[in-house]
Amino acid sequence: MKLISENSTSTKVLERVILPIEKIGKEIMFDCRMCGQCILHSTGLTCPMRCPKNLRNGPCGGVRPNGNCEVYPDKPCVWVQAIERSARLPIWRDNIYRLQPPVDWQLQDTSSWVNLFTGRDSVHPPGWRGALDADREAR
């Protein structure tokens, strides 16, 4: 969705205004890591960037039998939380099964809201367009 130009002066001003509000709100509510490509609605309102391995498409093979993280055994696996929470959402509950493109680390610490409106969050590496189209067709 491209509603505003990516490199315009108004976009830069909008980023300066929105970023602090988005950052504070999302950090408090979702323990957000500000990747700039928010998929909270697809992960049961659980920020997948809290995963120490930065996995974007589900848990690793090291999830412990109790549902805790392989890297931090005293913490619950982010993806176990995401799957459980997605089931409780009134909408978007099936989005947890969608294939997510890799993170564009150039967008780290930018506003995902501004990136959504400029279309910057939908720029994917070559080869991922086909994977995303295949995922859509499978649904």
C-alpha atoms as a PDB file:
ATOM      1  CA  MET A   1       0.000   0.000   0.000  1.00  0.00           C
ATOM      2  CA  LYS A   2       1.631   3.228  -1.112  1.00  0.00           C
ATOM      3  CA  LEU A   3      -0.232   6.296   0.074  1.00  0.00           C
ATOM      4  CA  ILE A   4       2.684   8.712   0.460  1.00  0.00           C
ATOM      5  CA  SER A   5       6.074   9.142  -1.194  1.00  0.00           C
ATOM      6  CA  GLU A   6       8.971   7.416   0.548  1.00  0.00           C
ATOM      7  CA  ASN A   7      11.511  10.246   0.308  1.00  0.00           C
ATOM      8  CA  SER A   8       9.366  13.358   0.618  1.00  0.00           C
ATOM      9  CA  THR A   9       9.850  16.044   3.236  1.00  0.00           C
ATOM     10  CA  SER A  10       6.387  15.342   4.628  1.00  0.00           C
ATOM     11  CA  THR A  11       7.321  11.675   5.100  1.00  0.00           C
ATOM     12  CA  LYS A  12      10.421  12.640   7.047  1.00  0.00           C
ATOM     13  CA  VAL A  13       8.375  14.968   9.253  1.00  0.00           C
ATOM     14  CA  LEU A  14       5.722  12.288   9.701  1.00  0.00           C
ATOM     15  CA  GLU A  15       8.418   9.788  10.722  1.00  0.00           C
ATOM     16  CA  ARG A  16       9.814  12.263  13.270  1.00  0.00           C
ATOM     17  CA  VAL A  17       6.356  12.788  14.787  1.00  0.00           C
ATOM     18  CA  ILE A  18       5.012   9.225  14.664  1.00  0.00           C
ATOM     19  CA  LEU A  19       8.135   7.243  15.593  1.00  0.00           C
ATOM     20  CA  PRO A  20       8.317   8.251  19.287  1.00  0.00           C
ATOM     21  CA  ILE A  21       4.599   7.608  19.777  1.00  0.00           C
ATOM     22  CA  GLU A  22       4.747   4.248  18.004  1.00  0.00           C
ATOM     23  CA  LYS A  23       7.925   3.227  19.834  1.00  0.00           C
ATOM     24  CA  ILE A  24       6.642   4.020  23.332  1.00  0.00           C
ATOM     25  CA  GLY A  25       3.211   2.487  22.740  1.00  0.00           C
ATOM     26  CA  LYS A  26       4.437  -0.708  21.119  1.00  0.00           C
ATOM     27  CA  GLU A  27       7.272  -1.245  23.578  1.00  0.00           C
ATOM     28  CA  ILE A  28       4.898  -0.928  26.539  1.00  0.00           C
ATOM     29  CA  MET A  29       2.086  -3.026  25.068  1.00  0.00           C
ATOM     30  CA  PHE A  30       3.955  -5.638  23.015  1.00  0.00           C
ATOM     31  CA  ASP A  31       7.625  -5.504  24.073  1.00  0.00           C
ATOM     32  CA  CYS A  32       8.228  -4.436  20.466  1.00  0.00           C
ATOM     33  CA  ARG A  33      11.736  -4.401  18.970  1.00  0.00           C
ATOM     34  CA  MET A  34      10.914  -1.806  16.273  1.00  0.00           C
ATOM     35  CA  CYS A  35      11.887  -3.845  13.214  1.00  0.00           C
ATOM     36  CA  GLY A  36      10.009  -1.409  10.957  1.00  0.00           C
ATOM     37  CA  GLN A  37       7.921  -4.215   9.403  1.00  0.00           C
ATOM     38  CA  CYS A  38       5.320  -4.974  12.024  1.00  0.00           C
ATOM     39  CA  ILE A  39       3.487  -8.287  11.819  1.00  0.00           C
ATOM     40  CA  LEU A  40       1.902  -8.215  15.294  1.00  0.00           C
ATOM     41  CA  HIS A  41      -1.502  -8.917  13.736  1.00  0.00           C
ATOM     42  CA  SER A  42      -0.053 -12.109  12.217  1.00  0.00           C
ATOM     43  CA  THR A  43       1.557 -13.340  15.432  1.00  0.00           C
ATOM     44  CA  GLY A  44      -1.178 -13.076  18.029  1.00  0.00           C
ATOM     45  CA  LEU A  45       0.015  -9.587  19.019  1.00  0.00           C
ATOM     46  CA  THR A  46       3.355 -11.108  20.051  1.00  0.00           C
ATOM     47  CA  CYS A  47       6.466  -9.421  18.640  1.00  0.00           C
ATOM     48  CA  PRO A  48       8.411 -12.182  16.844  1.00  0.00           C
ATOM     49  CA  MET A  49      11.579 -10.093  17.002  1.00  0.00           C
ATOM     50  CA  ARG A  50      11.759 -10.968  20.710  1.00  0.00           C
ATOM     51  CA  CYS A  51      12.925 -14.410  19.565  1.00  0.00           C
ATOM     52  CA  PRO A  52      16.678 -14.502  20.299  1.00  0.00           C
ATOM     53  CA  LYS A  53      17.201 -16.133  16.900  1.00  0.00           C
ATOM     54  CA  ASN A  54      15.079 -13.457  15.155  1.00  0.00           C
ATOM     55  CA  LEU A  55      12.919 -16.132  13.567  1.00  0.00           C
ATOM     56  CA  ARG A  56      10.074 -14.722  11.518  1.00  0.00           C
ATOM     57  CA  ASN A  57       8.185 -17.895  10.550  1.00  0.00           C
ATOM     58  CA  GLY A  58       7.628 -20.019  13.611  1.00  0.00           C
ATOM     59  CA  PRO A  59       9.629 -21.708  16.318  1.00  0.00           C
ATOM     60  CA  CYS A  60      13.025 -23.314  15.900  1.00  0.00           C
ATOM     61  CA  GLY A  61      13.567 -27.005  16.544  1.00  0.00           C
ATOM     62  CA  GLY A  62      14.840 -26.254  20.037  1.00  0.00           C
ATOM     63  CA  VAL A  63      11.596 -25.412  21.808  1.00  0.00           C
ATOM     64  CA  ARG A  64      11.691 -27.217  25.140  1.00  0.00           C
ATOM     65  CA  PRO A  65       8.937 -29.689  26.122  1.00  0.00           C
ATOM     66  CA  ASN A  66       7.531 -27.120  28.557  1.00  0.00           C
ATOM     67  CA  GLY A  67       7.230 -24.529  25.741  1.00  0.00           C
ATOM     68  CA  ASN A  68      10.249 -22.513  26.854  1.00  0.00           C
ATOM     69  CA  CYS A  69      12.992 -21.080  24.682  1.00  0.00           C
ATOM     70  CA  GLU A  70      16.091 -23.072  23.779  1.00  0.00           C
ATOM     71  CA  VAL A  71      18.368 -20.041  24.198  1.00  0.00           C
ATOM     72  CA  TYR A  72      16.747 -18.688  27.378  1.00  0.00           C
ATOM     73  CA  PRO A  73      15.303 -21.743  29.164  1.00  0.00           C
ATOM     74  CA  ASP A  74      13.679 -19.584  31.858  1.00  0.00           C
ATOM     75  CA  LYS A  75      11.556 -17.697  29.283  1.00  0.00           C
ATOM     76  CA  PRO A  76       8.615 -18.931  27.210  1.00  0.00           C
ATOM     77  CA  CYS A  77       9.203 -19.388  23.487  1.00  0.00           C
ATOM     78  CA  VAL A  78       7.939 -16.329  21.648  1.00  0.00           C
ATOM     79  CA  TRP A  79       6.443 -18.522  18.948  1.00  0.00           C
ATOM     80  CA  VAL A  80       4.592 -20.779  21.377  1.00  0.00           C
ATOM     81  CA  GLN A  81       3.057 -17.600  22.812  1.00  0.00           C
ATOM     82  CA  ALA A  82       2.248 -16.316  19.315  1.00  0.00           C
ATOM     83  CA  ILE A  83       0.461 -19.520  18.311  1.00  0.00           C
ATOM     84  CA  GLU A  84      -1.540 -19.650  21.552  1.00  0.00           C
ATOM     85  CA  ARG A  85      -2.475 -15.968  21.362  1.00  0.00           C
ATOM     86  CA  SER A  86      -3.415 -16.121  17.670  1.00  0.00           C
ATOM     87  CA  ALA A  87      -6.057 -18.713  18.428  1.00  0.00           C
ATOM     88  CA  ARG A  88      -7.734 -16.226  20.780  1.00  0.00           C
ATOM     89  CA  LEU A  89      -7.889 -13.338  18.293  1.00  0.00           C
ATOM     90  CA  PRO A  90     -11.343 -12.558  16.888  1.00  0.00           C
ATOM     91  CA  ILE A  91      -9.767 -11.581  13.551  1.00  0.00           C
ATOM     92  CA  TRP A  92      -6.414 -12.372  11.912  1.00  0.00           C
ATOM     93  CA  ARG A  93      -6.248 -15.720  13.744  1.00  0.00           C
ATOM     94  CA  ASP A  94      -5.212 -17.583  10.581  1.00  0.00           C
ATOM     95  CA  ASN A  95      -2.472 -15.075   9.714  1.00  0.00           C
ATOM     96  CA  ILE A  96      -0.083 -17.044  11.947  1.00  0.00           C
ATOM     97  CA  TYR A  97       0.111 -19.619   9.117  1.00  0.00           C
ATOM     98  CA  ARG A  98       1.223 -17.122   6.469  1.00  0.00           C
ATOM     99  CA  LEU A  99       4.776 -17.222   5.208  1.00  0.00           C
ATOM    100  CA  GLN A 100       6.561 -14.006   6.223  1.00  0.00           C
ATOM    101  CA  PRO A 101       9.390 -12.547   4.117  1.00  0.00           C
ATOM    102  CA  PRO A 102      12.776 -11.995   5.738  1.00  0.00           C
ATOM    103  CA  VAL A 103      13.348  -8.865   7.785  1.00  0.00           C
ATOM    104  CA  ASP A 104      14.829  -5.865   5.991  1.00  0.00           C
ATOM    105  CA  TRP A 105      17.317  -4.777   8.646  1.00  0.00           C
ATOM    106  CA  GLN A 106      17.634  -1.357   6.987  1.00  0.00           C
ATOM    107  CA  LEU A 107      14.196  -0.593   8.435  1.00  0.00           C
ATOM    108  CA  GLN A 108      15.241  -1.330  12.034  1.00  0.00           C
ATOM    109  CA  ASP A 109      14.208   1.516  14.379  1.00  0.00           C
ATOM    110  CA  THR A 110      11.916   3.133  11.808  1.00  0.00           C
ATOM    111  CA  SER A 111       8.143   3.525  12.003  1.00  0.00           C
ATOM    112  CA  SER A 112       6.308   0.511  10.654  1.00  0.00           C
ATOM    113  CA  TRP A 113       3.263   2.749  10.216  1.00  0.00           C
ATOM    114  CA  VAL A 114       5.160   5.146   7.945  1.00  0.00           C
ATOM    115  CA  ASN A 115       6.758   2.192   6.147  1.00  0.00           C
ATOM    116  CA  LEU A 116       3.287   0.743   5.540  1.00  0.00           C
ATOM    117  CA  PHE A 117       1.985   3.999   4.052  1.00  0.00           C
ATOM    118  CA  THR A 118       5.066   4.476   1.835  1.00  0.00           C
ATOM    119  CA  GLY A 119       5.046   0.838   0.712  1.00  0.00           C
ATOM    120  CA  ARG A 120       8.595   0.385   1.980  1.00  0.00           C
ATOM    121  CA  ASP A 121       7.589  -2.547   4.186  1.00  0.00           C
ATOM    122  CA  SER A 122       6.436  -4.536   1.156  1.00  0.00           C
ATOM    123  CA  VAL A 123       9.792  -4.443  -0.667  1.00  0.00           C
ATOM    124  CA  HIS A 124      11.165  -7.992  -0.586  1.00  0.00           C
ATOM    125  CA  PRO A 125      14.365  -9.612  -1.820  1.00  0.00           C
ATOM    126  CA  PRO A 126      14.365 -11.225  -5.274  1.00  0.00           C
ATOM    127  CA  GLY A 127      12.859 -14.692  -5.142  1.00  0.00           C
ATOM    128  CA  TRP A 128      10.492 -13.934  -2.289  1.00  0.00           C
ATOM    129  CA  ARG A 129       7.786 -12.590  -4.576  1.00  0.00           C
ATOM    130  CA  GLY A 130       7.262 -16.116  -5.907  1.00  0.00           C
ATOM    131  CA  ALA A 131       7.290 -17.637  -2.419  1.00  0.00           C
ATOM    132  CA  LEU A 132       4.693 -15.147  -1.210  1.00  0.00           C
ATOM    133  CA  ASP A 133       2.495 -15.744  -4.264  1.00  0.00           C
ATOM    134  CA  ALA A 134       2.723 -19.517  -3.708  1.00  0.00           C
ATOM    135  CA  ASP A 135       1.741 -19.037  -0.069  1.00  0.00           C
ATOM    136  CA  ARG A 136      -1.319 -16.998  -1.104  1.00  0.00           C
ATOM    137  CA  GLU A 137      -2.369 -19.636  -3.636  1.00  0.00           C
ATOM    138  CA  ALA A 138      -2.073 -22.380  -1.019  1.00  0.00           C
ATOM    139  CA  ARG A 139      -4.648 -20.653   1.202  1.00  0.00           C
END
